[in-house]
Structure formats: structure tokens, C-alpha cells
Amino acid sequence: MQQASRSRMIGAVEVTPLWDGPLPSSLEKIPDAGHRAEADKLLARAAPDALIMNVYGFLLRLGDRHALIDTGAGRLMSAELGRLDAALRAQGVAPEQIDYVFMTHVHRDHFGGLISDGKAAFPNAEIVLHEKEAAFWLDTRLEDMPQRARRYRDAARQALALYTPRLRRIKDGEATLGVSARLAPGHTPGHTAWLVQSGGQSLLAWGDLIHLAPIHLPAPHIAMEYDLDPATALATRRRVLDWVAADNILVAGAHLPAPGIGAIVRSGSAYAFSPGS
């Protein structure tokens, strides 16, 4: 069932989570046996559906402009995904009205929604992508990519090619309409968090900084096979969690529990998600 969207105002910017559907995971995605056992204990105290990740994109209303942060999976994955288009239209916004798509990274559950019947789903949108992420997927030779990334390279290139020449590679810290890139590598080389700032308020949309909140917030050291560089992903995860908790920055996460937007609260070395904040 489609989740109800709950918008948040960040200064003058309205941010609305768009639910694309559920994405099941499993403890088998945790390579380390000790970490797997630790995660199993954490799940014993969690909700029964704790291994099912939400997939969210986020709609930004920036004055008279509209933008998305990520686009969901479209039709590239399971039949349970691909609901972002309906969620967007339910907000009274047509795909043709999207001016920008800020990509956190180029994985299927984030870029699949760029495609509709083989064409650009957002025909008037500029795709904004960190230069490191663009270089990894568009410029790297197949034999130089990690094995896990190779199987998705062609699909990534095909989706992004639909937006040529409306694909803009940006540098770290570069901003568009108050939305700036913050490199958060590890999950992919150019994995990017987007910092939305307006009226003295901030929200960080962090893509796949964490995958399973009941595991990665209380135990951020637990690695999953989704991260191409687990050590760098861990360092990034700790750095960003410390930052948003200390500075009271709201977060929007592609795989956070409903409603996808909230605050991160720190307690010792552990963290918790507070959706009502």
C-alpha cells in the first residue's frame, strides 16, 4: 500500500518524501559472521519488518522550481517498486515539471525512475551528479571497476544517456538553488549527500549512508555487501552521523523508516532515528 507523504518545511523549501516501495534485504548481505550475529540480536528487538528497506525519493519545491533527490527504481527491479511516479503525481506535480534531479549515486533503486518506456521520464530536467560519481560510472573502463559494480554499469550508462546533454557534473560543495553537494564516499566512489539550506534551516538527504536503520544506527560498524568500499563507508557513516546529530540537522534517507525524514539522536557510540523531530 502506498505510504502517505509528509512534507517538511526547510525555511522556504518544501521537502516531501516519495515512497517508491519496499525492498527486502537479509542478514546474508552482511559478509562478516560476527557482525551477522550481532545484527541478529539487534533485530530481535526490532519490528518484524525490520529487514525490509523503504525506497524513497524526495520532492523539493524551490520557489517556482521543482526538483527530485533520486528517482526510485522505476521498472528495473521488483514489481513492488516503481511507485515514485504515482507519488509525485499525487503531489500535483507532473514529471514534465521537474527542473532538476539531484542524484545521490547511480544504483538501480535510485536511477531506475529516470526511465519511462525507454525514454527520459523527466524530459525537462537537468541531472546533477557529483563529478566523482559521474567519472566512476561513465568514464571508468569495465575491467577497472569492482566486480559488484560491473553488472550495473551498462544500465547506468543507458539511463544517464537519455539526459545528454542535460547532465551536469559538479564539484564538491557546489550549490544549485540552495542545494549543495557533500561527498560521502564508500557506498560508491562519488556517493553524495545533498544539503538543503534555507532560512537558517538545514536538511541533509544522504542516499545510502545507512541501509537497515535498526542495525546501522545502533551499530554503524556493521558492514553490508552493498558498499563498494566498506572501510571508507564506515568512516563516512560515523562522520556524517556525528555531524547531523551534533548540529541538529534533519536528515532524509532513501532507506530510513517512515516517513523517511527526521532527526538523528546520539547516545554514546549509538544513534537513533526520531521521525517526529
Protein backbone atom coordinates (compact mmCIF):
# COMPACT_ATOMS: atom_id res chain seq x y z
CA MET A 1 0.00 0.00 0.00
CA GLN A 2 1.22 3.47 -0.88
CA GLN A 3 2.59 5.36 2.12
CA ALA A 4 1.18 8.79 2.89
CA SER A 5 3.69 11.58 2.23
CA ARG A 6 4.50 14.03 4.99
CA SER A 7 6.13 17.27 3.89
CA ARG A 8 8.61 19.28 5.93
CA MET A 9 9.49 22.93 5.51
CA ILE A 10 13.19 23.79 5.50
CA GLY A 11 12.97 27.55 5.50
CA ALA A 12 11.15 28.32 2.26
CA VAL A 13 11.84 24.87 0.74
CA GLU A 14 9.16 22.20 1.00
CA VAL A 15 10.59 18.66 1.13
CA THR A 16 8.22 15.75 0.52
CA PRO A 17 9.19 12.06 0.73
CA LEU A 18 8.00 10.00 -2.23
CA TRP A 19 7.74 6.30 -1.41
CA ASP A 20 8.86 4.07 -4.26
CA GLY A 21 8.08 0.79 -2.49
CA PRO A 22 9.64 -1.90 -0.28
CA LEU A 23 12.99 -3.56 -0.89
CA PRO A 24 13.66 -6.76 1.12
CA SER A 25 17.14 -7.42 2.45
CA SER A 26 18.61 -10.22 4.57
CA LEU A 27 21.32 -10.91 7.09
CA GLU A 28 23.17 -12.79 4.35
CA LYS A 29 24.06 -9.38 2.95
CA ILE A 30 26.40 -8.95 5.97
CA PRO A 31 29.67 -10.68 4.99
CA ASP A 32 31.22 -10.90 8.46
CA ALA A 33 29.82 -13.75 10.58
CA GLY A 34 30.41 -11.90 13.85
CA HIS A 35 28.63 -8.83 12.56
CA ARG A 36 25.82 -11.05 11.31
CA ALA A 37 25.32 -12.49 14.78
CA GLU A 38 25.37 -9.00 16.28
CA ALA A 39 22.78 -7.82 13.78
CA ASP A 40 20.59 -10.81 14.56
CA LYS A 41 20.48 -9.79 18.22
CA LEU A 42 19.55 -6.24 17.27
CA LEU A 43 16.75 -7.49 15.04
CA ALA A 44 15.29 -9.48 17.92
CA ARG A 45 14.38 -6.12 19.49
CA ALA A 46 13.14 -4.57 16.25
CA ALA A 47 9.87 -4.66 14.34
CA PRO A 48 9.04 -7.82 12.35
CA ASP A 49 9.59 -6.00 9.05
CA ALA A 50 12.99 -4.60 10.05
CA LEU A 51 14.73 -6.34 7.13
CA ILE A 52 12.52 -4.59 4.59
CA MET A 53 14.01 -1.31 3.46
CA ASN A 54 11.89 1.56 2.26
CA VAL A 55 12.95 3.18 -1.00
CA TYR A 56 12.37 6.94 -1.08
CA GLY A 57 12.99 9.80 -3.42
CA PHE A 58 12.35 13.36 -2.28
CA LEU A 59 10.48 16.18 -3.97
CA LEU A 60 11.80 19.70 -3.40
CA ARG A 61 9.66 22.75 -4.09
CA LEU A 62 12.16 25.57 -4.54
CA GLY A 63 10.04 28.65 -5.19
CA ASP A 64 8.69 28.15 -8.69
CA ARG A 65 11.09 25.28 -9.39
CA HIS A 66 10.70 21.57 -8.68
CA ALA A 67 13.49 19.11 -8.05
CA LEU A 68 13.91 15.49 -7.08
CA ILE A 69 16.60 13.86 -4.99
CA ASP A 70 16.82 10.39 -6.60
CA THR A 71 14.05 8.77 -8.62
CA GLY A 72 13.40 5.32 -7.18
CA ALA A 73 13.78 2.06 -9.10
CA GLY A 74 11.30 2.54 -11.90
CA ARG A 75 10.82 -0.83 -13.64
CA LEU A 76 14.42 -2.01 -13.23
CA MET A 77 13.84 -4.11 -10.12
CA SER A 78 10.85 -5.82 -8.49
CA ALA A 79 7.17 -5.25 -9.28
CA GLU A 80 6.78 -3.87 -5.75
CA LEU A 81 8.96 -0.90 -6.63
CA GLY A 82 8.38 1.88 -9.15
CA ARG A 83 5.71 3.83 -7.27
CA LEU A 84 7.51 7.18 -7.20
CA ASP A 85 5.77 8.43 -10.35
CA ALA A 86 2.34 7.94 -8.76
CA ALA A 87 3.53 9.54 -5.52
CA LEU A 88 4.84 12.55 -7.46
CA ARG A 89 1.58 12.98 -9.36
CA ALA A 90 -0.33 12.71 -6.08
CA GLN A 91 1.52 15.88 -5.03
CA GLY A 92 0.11 17.66 -8.07
CA VAL A 93 3.46 17.63 -9.89
CA ALA A 94 3.87 16.15 -13.37
CA PRO A 95 7.22 14.67 -14.47
CA GLU A 96 7.50 17.46 -17.06
CA GLN A 97 7.59 19.99 -14.21
CA ILE A 98 10.79 18.61 -12.69
CA ASP A 99 13.64 21.04 -13.35
CA TYR A 100 16.46 19.20 -11.56
CA VAL A 101 17.23 15.68 -10.42
CA PHE A 102 19.97 15.57 -7.77
CA MET A 103 21.43 12.06 -7.78
CA THR A 104 22.97 10.70 -4.57
CA HIS A 105 24.56 7.89 -6.58
CA VAL A 106 23.97 5.66 -9.56
CA HIS A 107 22.37 2.45 -8.29
CA ARG A 108 19.20 0.96 -9.77
CA ASP A 109 16.90 1.82 -6.85
CA HIS A 110 17.95 5.45 -7.25
CA PHE A 111 18.26 5.95 -11.03
CA GLY A 112 15.68 3.48 -12.40
CA GLY A 113 12.93 6.09 -12.25
CA LEU A 114 14.83 8.21 -14.78
CA ILE A 115 13.44 5.89 -17.48
CA SER A 116 9.85 5.61 -18.71
CA ASP A 117 9.11 3.32 -21.64
CA GLY A 118 12.67 3.68 -22.85
CA LYS A 119 12.56 7.48 -22.76
CA ALA A 120 13.53 10.19 -20.29
CA ALA A 121 10.88 10.19 -17.54
CA PHE A 122 11.67 13.82 -16.73
CA PRO A 123 12.07 15.38 -20.18
CA ASN A 124 12.84 18.90 -18.95
CA ALA A 125 15.11 18.00 -16.04
CA GLU A 126 18.81 18.61 -15.65
CA ILE A 127 20.58 15.69 -13.95
CA VAL A 128 23.02 16.92 -11.30
CA LEU A 129 25.71 14.43 -10.37
CA HIS A 130 28.93 14.71 -8.38
CA GLU A 131 31.92 14.63 -10.70
CA LYS A 132 33.42 11.63 -8.89
CA GLU A 133 30.24 9.58 -9.27
CA ALA A 134 29.89 10.56 -12.92
CA ALA A 135 33.51 9.63 -13.62
CA PHE A 136 33.13 6.23 -11.95
CA TRP A 137 30.08 5.15 -13.97
CA LEU A 138 30.68 6.98 -17.24
CA ASP A 139 34.45 7.13 -17.67
CA THR A 140 35.87 4.05 -15.93
CA ARG A 141 36.78 1.02 -18.04
CA LEU A 142 34.77 -2.07 -17.18
CA GLU A 143 37.86 -4.06 -16.21
CA ASP A 144 38.88 -1.34 -13.75
CA MET A 145 35.57 -1.45 -11.83
CA PRO A 146 34.90 -3.67 -8.80
CA GLN A 147 33.12 -6.87 -9.80
CA ARG A 148 29.92 -5.89 -7.99
CA ALA A 149 29.64 -2.65 -9.95
CA ARG A 150 30.29 -4.14 -13.39
CA ARG A 151 26.89 -5.78 -13.75
CA TYR A 152 25.09 -2.43 -13.37
CA ARG A 153 27.36 -0.23 -15.46
CA ASP A 154 25.56 -0.63 -18.78
CA ALA A 155 22.12 0.05 -17.26
CA ALA A 156 23.51 3.14 -15.52
CA ARG A 157 25.02 4.47 -18.73
CA GLN A 158 21.84 3.83 -20.71
CA ALA A 159 19.72 5.73 -18.17
CA LEU A 160 22.06 8.70 -17.99
CA ALA A 161 22.48 8.80 -21.76
CA LEU A 162 18.79 9.72 -22.06
CA TYR A 163 19.64 13.07 -20.48
CA THR A 164 22.60 14.02 -22.66
CA PRO A 165 23.49 16.91 -22.80
CA ARG A 166 21.41 17.82 -19.72
CA LEU A 167 23.75 16.03 -17.32
CA ARG A 168 25.84 18.36 -15.18
CA ARG A 169 28.90 17.18 -13.28
CA ILE A 170 29.52 19.31 -10.23
CA LYS A 171 32.31 19.71 -7.73
CA ASP A 172 32.08 19.10 -4.00
CA GLY A 173 30.32 21.96 -2.24
CA GLU A 174 28.83 23.35 -5.44
CA ALA A 175 25.24 24.54 -4.96
CA THR A 176 22.13 24.88 -7.10
CA LEU A 177 19.20 26.85 -5.67
CA GLY A 178 20.50 26.32 -2.13
CA VAL A 179 21.12 22.57 -2.60
CA SER A 180 24.81 21.71 -2.31
CA ALA A 181 26.83 18.54 -2.84
CA ARG A 182 28.60 16.92 0.11
CA LEU A 183 30.77 13.98 -0.92
CA ALA A 184 30.02 10.92 1.26
CA PRO A 185 32.06 8.13 -0.37
CA GLY A 186 32.31 4.43 0.35
CA HIS A 187 28.97 3.11 -0.81
CA THR A 188 30.13 4.23 -4.23
CA PRO A 189 33.18 6.40 -5.01
CA GLY A 190 31.08 9.52 -5.58
CA HIS A 191 28.17 8.81 -3.26
CA THR A 192 26.77 12.24 -2.41
CA ALA A 193 24.64 13.74 0.34
CA TRP A 194 22.67 16.83 -0.69
CA LEU A 195 22.47 19.65 1.84
CA VAL A 196 19.30 21.73 1.56
CA GLN A 197 19.64 25.13 3.26
CA SER A 198 17.03 27.89 3.53
CA GLY A 199 16.10 30.47 6.15
CA GLY A 200 18.73 29.29 8.62
CA GLN A 201 17.48 25.69 8.50
CA SER A 202 19.14 22.61 7.01
CA LEU A 203 18.28 19.11 5.84
CA LEU A 204 20.74 16.51 4.57
CA ALA A 205 19.49 13.94 2.05
CA TRP A 206 22.05 11.20 2.39
CA GLY A 207 21.13 8.43 -0.05
CA ASP A 208 22.56 5.11 1.17
CA LEU A 209 24.60 6.23 4.15
CA ILE A 210 22.70 3.55 6.06
CA HIS A 211 20.58 0.68 4.75
CA LEU A 212 18.87 -1.00 7.71
CA ALA A 213 18.22 1.56 10.43
CA PRO A 214 17.63 -1.00 13.24
CA ILE A 215 21.14 -2.31 12.56
CA HIS A 216 23.23 0.58 11.28
CA LEU A 217 22.13 3.24 13.74
CA PRO A 218 22.84 1.30 16.95
CA ALA A 219 25.84 -0.44 15.35
CA PRO A 220 27.23 1.68 12.48
CA HIS A 221 30.33 -0.51 12.24
CA ILE A 222 28.36 -3.40 10.73
CA ALA A 223 29.18 -3.60 7.02
CA MET A 224 26.93 -4.89 4.27
CA GLU A 225 27.93 -6.08 0.83
CA TYR A 226 26.15 -3.13 -0.76
CA ASP A 227 29.14 -0.84 -0.02
CA LEU A 228 31.90 -0.99 -2.63
CA ASP A 229 34.49 0.24 -0.11
CA PRO A 230 33.32 -0.86 3.38
CA ALA A 231 36.14 0.85 5.31
CA THR A 232 35.53 4.21 3.63
CA ALA A 233 31.77 3.77 4.00
CA LEU A 234 32.19 3.18 7.75
CA ALA A 235 34.34 6.30 8.18
CA THR A 236 31.81 8.33 6.20
CA ARG A 237 28.88 6.90 8.16
CA ARG A 238 30.42 7.85 11.50
CA ARG A 239 31.45 11.30 10.29
CA VAL A 240 28.04 12.19 8.88
CA LEU A 241 26.07 10.74 11.80
CA ASP A 242 28.21 12.74 14.23
CA TRP A 243 27.73 15.88 12.16
CA VAL A 244 23.94 15.78 11.82
CA ALA A 245 23.44 14.76 15.46
CA ALA A 246 25.73 17.49 16.81
CA ASP A 247 24.36 20.24 14.56
CA ASN A 248 20.69 19.18 14.76
CA ILE A 249 20.41 18.82 11.00
CA LEU A 250 17.33 16.97 9.79
CA VAL A 251 18.01 14.02 7.51
CA ALA A 252 16.21 12.44 4.59
CA GLY A 253 17.32 8.89 3.88
CA ALA A 254 16.47 6.70 0.92
CA HIS A 255 16.11 3.68 3.22
CA LEU A 256 15.05 5.22 6.52
CA PRO A 257 11.87 4.10 8.31
CA ALA A 258 8.67 6.00 7.52
CA PRO A 259 8.28 8.82 6.87
CA GLY A 260 11.87 9.00 5.58
CA ILE A 261 12.63 12.37 7.21
CA GLY A 262 13.60 13.01 10.82
CA ALA A 263 16.44 13.66 13.24
CA ILE A 264 19.40 11.59 14.36
CA VAL A 265 19.98 11.40 18.09
CA ARG A 266 23.29 10.17 19.50
CA SER A 267 23.72 8.14 22.68
CA GLY A 268 27.34 7.15 23.28
CA SER A 269 28.53 5.30 20.17
CA ALA A 270 24.97 4.50 19.07
CA TYR A 271 22.40 6.55 17.20
CA ALA A 272 18.63 6.54 16.83
CA PHE A 273 16.16 7.93 14.29
CA SER A 274 13.48 10.30 15.55
CA PRO A 275 10.85 10.76 12.81
CA GLY A 276 8.81 13.24 14.83
CA SER A 277 11.61 15.77 15.26
